[in-house]
Amino acid sequence: MAVVVFCNDYLAPRAVDPDFSAEYDAARAAGFDTLLVSYEDLTKGLGLSRPVKGQPPRGPGIYRGWMLTPEHYGQLYRALEELGIRLVNSPTEYAHTHY
């Protein structure tokens, strides 16, 4: 099963961003693993600077969050790859569709 990566809530980092809560709930109800990342950290170039609690899920991944620059997406892609999650869109593919 794929991992769906969502942005967390800035004010409640252990919760999903409220704008994505319905999608987060639907993904979990459908049996997908989920992972939260900080959009603010990503856009500051900090990558996944906050530790992931417990053992993160592994496997193919889908990013469902706020738009990132291709550079920040590349940082996210590489950081998730180190955790065993490979996003379905490579940084090159993301950059191509971003523009």
C-alpha atoms as a PDB file:
ATOM      1  CA  MET A   1       0.000   0.000   0.000  1.00  0.00           C
ATOM      2  CA  ALA A   2       1.224   3.490  -0.751  1.00  0.00           C
ATOM      3  CA  VAL A   3       2.106   6.124   1.821  1.00  0.00           C
ATOM      4  CA  VAL A   4       0.290   9.439   1.471  1.00  0.00           C
ATOM      5  CA  VAL A   5       2.417  12.315   2.761  1.00  0.00           C
ATOM      6  CA  PHE A   6       0.446  15.292   4.070  1.00  0.00           C
ATOM      7  CA  CYS A   7       1.437  18.650   5.523  1.00  0.00           C
ATOM      8  CA  ASN A   8       0.890  19.010   9.225  1.00  0.00           C
ATOM      9  CA  ASP A   9      -0.951  21.769  11.056  1.00  0.00           C
ATOM     10  CA  TYR A  10       1.428  24.616  11.891  1.00  0.00           C
ATOM     11  CA  LEU A  11      -0.192  25.183  15.291  1.00  0.00           C
ATOM     12  CA  ALA A  12      -0.661  21.478  16.102  1.00  0.00           C
ATOM     13  CA  PRO A  13       2.291  19.658  14.484  1.00  0.00           C
ATOM     14  CA  ARG A  14       0.955  16.169  15.293  1.00  0.00           C
ATOM     15  CA  ALA A  15      -2.263  16.873  13.365  1.00  0.00           C
ATOM     16  CA  VAL A  16      -2.872  17.186   9.638  1.00  0.00           C
ATOM     17  CA  ASP A  17      -3.296  20.661   8.124  1.00  0.00           C
ATOM     18  CA  PRO A  18      -7.042  21.363   8.430  1.00  0.00           C
ATOM     19  CA  ASP A  19      -7.306  22.067   4.696  1.00  0.00           C
ATOM     20  CA  PHE A  20      -6.351  18.445   4.014  1.00  0.00           C
ATOM     21  CA  SER A  21      -8.238  16.784   6.884  1.00  0.00           C
ATOM     22  CA  ALA A  22     -10.984  15.242   4.723  1.00  0.00           C
ATOM     23  CA  GLU A  23      -8.417  13.744   2.343  1.00  0.00           C
ATOM     24  CA  TYR A  24      -6.304  12.528   5.264  1.00  0.00           C
ATOM     25  CA  ASP A  25      -9.315  10.817   6.844  1.00  0.00           C
ATOM     26  CA  ALA A  26     -10.303   9.273   3.495  1.00  0.00           C
ATOM     27  CA  ALA A  27      -6.768   7.973   2.886  1.00  0.00           C
ATOM     28  CA  ARG A  28      -6.646   6.368   6.322  1.00  0.00           C
ATOM     29  CA  ALA A  29     -10.154   4.904   5.929  1.00  0.00           C
ATOM     30  CA  ALA A  30      -9.069   3.380   2.600  1.00  0.00           C
ATOM     31  CA  GLY A  31      -6.127   1.679   4.319  1.00  0.00           C
ATOM     32  CA  PHE A  32      -3.304   3.945   3.182  1.00  0.00           C
ATOM     33  CA  ASP A  33      -0.414   4.657   5.508  1.00  0.00           C
ATOM     34  CA  THR A  34       0.027   8.368   6.176  1.00  0.00           C
ATOM     35  CA  LEU A  35       2.908  10.578   7.209  1.00  0.00           C
ATOM     36  CA  LEU A  36       2.906  14.227   8.258  1.00  0.00           C
ATOM     37  CA  VAL A  37       5.636  16.685   7.279  1.00  0.00           C
ATOM     38  CA  SER A  38       6.117  20.352   8.090  1.00  0.00           C
ATOM     39  CA  TYR A  39       5.493  22.637   5.108  1.00  0.00           C
ATOM     40  CA  GLU A  40       7.210  25.459   6.977  1.00  0.00           C
ATOM     41  CA  ASP A  41      10.358  23.384   7.486  1.00  0.00           C
ATOM     42  CA  LEU A  42      10.327  22.287   3.845  1.00  0.00           C
ATOM     43  CA  THR A  43      10.019  25.841   2.532  1.00  0.00           C
ATOM     44  CA  LYS A  44      12.804  27.053   4.835  1.00  0.00           C
ATOM     45  CA  GLY A  45      15.065  24.405   3.305  1.00  0.00           C
ATOM     46  CA  LEU A  46      15.134  22.381   6.521  1.00  0.00           C
ATOM     47  CA  GLY A  47      13.736  19.243   4.912  1.00  0.00           C
ATOM     48  CA  LEU A  48      12.346  16.823   7.469  1.00  0.00           C
ATOM     49  CA  SER A  49      14.136  18.511  10.344  1.00  0.00           C
ATOM     50  CA  ARG A  50      11.570  17.417  12.913  1.00  0.00           C
ATOM     51  CA  PRO A  51      11.985  13.779  13.872  1.00  0.00           C
ATOM     52  CA  VAL A  52       9.407  11.330  12.630  1.00  0.00           C
ATOM     53  CA  LYS A  53       7.807   9.579  15.593  1.00  0.00           C
ATOM     54  CA  GLY A  54       8.028   5.803  15.596  1.00  0.00           C
ATOM     55  CA  GLN A  55       8.860   3.733  12.551  1.00  0.00           C
ATOM     56  CA  PRO A  56       7.709   5.575   9.420  1.00  0.00           C
ATOM     57  CA  PRO A  57       5.840   3.534   6.823  1.00  0.00           C
ATOM     58  CA  ARG A  58       7.855   2.380   3.803  1.00  0.00           C
ATOM     59  CA  GLY A  59       7.013   1.949   0.143  1.00  0.00           C
ATOM     60  CA  PRO A  60       5.738   4.065  -2.718  1.00  0.00           C
ATOM     61  CA  GLY A  61       4.546   7.512  -1.700  1.00  0.00           C
ATOM     62  CA  ILE A  62       2.283  10.311  -2.839  1.00  0.00           C
ATOM     63  CA  TYR A  63       2.764  13.901  -1.668  1.00  0.00           C
ATOM     64  CA  ARG A  64      -0.524  15.662  -0.961  1.00  0.00           C
ATOM     65  CA  GLY A  65       0.255  19.058   0.423  1.00  0.00           C
ATOM     66  CA  TRP A  66       0.908  22.655  -0.460  1.00  0.00           C
ATOM     67  CA  MET A  67       2.801  23.493  -3.637  1.00  0.00           C
ATOM     68  CA  LEU A  68       6.575  23.394  -3.223  1.00  0.00           C
ATOM     69  CA  THR A  69       9.280  24.842  -5.396  1.00  0.00           C
ATOM     70  CA  PRO A  70      11.069  22.154  -7.402  1.00  0.00           C
ATOM     71  CA  GLU A  71      14.105  22.628  -5.136  1.00  0.00           C
ATOM     72  CA  HIS A  72      12.084  22.042  -1.970  1.00  0.00           C
ATOM     73  CA  TYR A  73      10.284  19.089  -3.542  1.00  0.00           C
ATOM     74  CA  GLY A  74      13.679  17.598  -4.391  1.00  0.00           C
ATOM     75  CA  GLN A  75      14.745  17.963  -0.763  1.00  0.00           C
ATOM     76  CA  LEU A  76      11.542  16.276   0.373  1.00  0.00           C
ATOM     77  CA  TYR A  77      11.996  13.509  -2.188  1.00  0.00           C
ATOM     78  CA  ARG A  78      15.529  12.742  -1.035  1.00  0.00           C
ATOM     79  CA  ALA A  79      14.648  12.909   2.677  1.00  0.00           C
ATOM     80  CA  LEU A  80      11.711  10.519   2.214  1.00  0.00           C
ATOM     81  CA  GLU A  81      13.856   8.208   0.105  1.00  0.00           C
ATOM     82  CA  GLU A  82      16.245   7.907   3.064  1.00  0.00           C
ATOM     83  CA  LEU A  83      13.263   6.748   5.147  1.00  0.00           C
ATOM     84  CA  GLY A  84      12.310   4.118   2.568  1.00  0.00           C
ATOM     85  CA  ILE A  85       9.509   6.106   0.913  1.00  0.00           C
ATOM     86  CA  ARG A  86       9.827   6.727  -2.822  1.00  0.00           C
ATOM     87  CA  LEU A  87       7.450   9.380  -4.123  1.00  0.00           C
ATOM     88  CA  VAL A  88       5.770   8.416  -7.381  1.00  0.00           C
ATOM     89  CA  ASN A  89       6.886  11.675  -9.024  1.00  0.00           C
ATOM     90  CA  SER A  90      10.620  12.217  -9.299  1.00  0.00           C
ATOM     91  CA  PRO A  91      12.007  15.735  -8.786  1.00  0.00           C
ATOM     92  CA  THR A  92      12.413  16.042 -12.579  1.00  0.00           C
ATOM     93  CA  GLU A  93       8.797  15.016 -13.200  1.00  0.00           C
ATOM     94  CA  TYR A  94       7.600  17.396 -10.481  1.00  0.00           C
ATOM     95  CA  ALA A  95       9.541  20.302 -12.002  1.00  0.00           C
ATOM     96  CA  HIS A  96       8.137  19.487 -15.457  1.00  0.00           C
ATOM     97  CA  THR A  97       4.531  19.549 -14.268  1.00  0.00           C
ATOM     98  CA  HIS A  98       5.098  22.429 -11.836  1.00  0.00           C
ATOM     99  CA  TYR A  99       5.822  24.829 -14.668  1.00  0.00           C
END
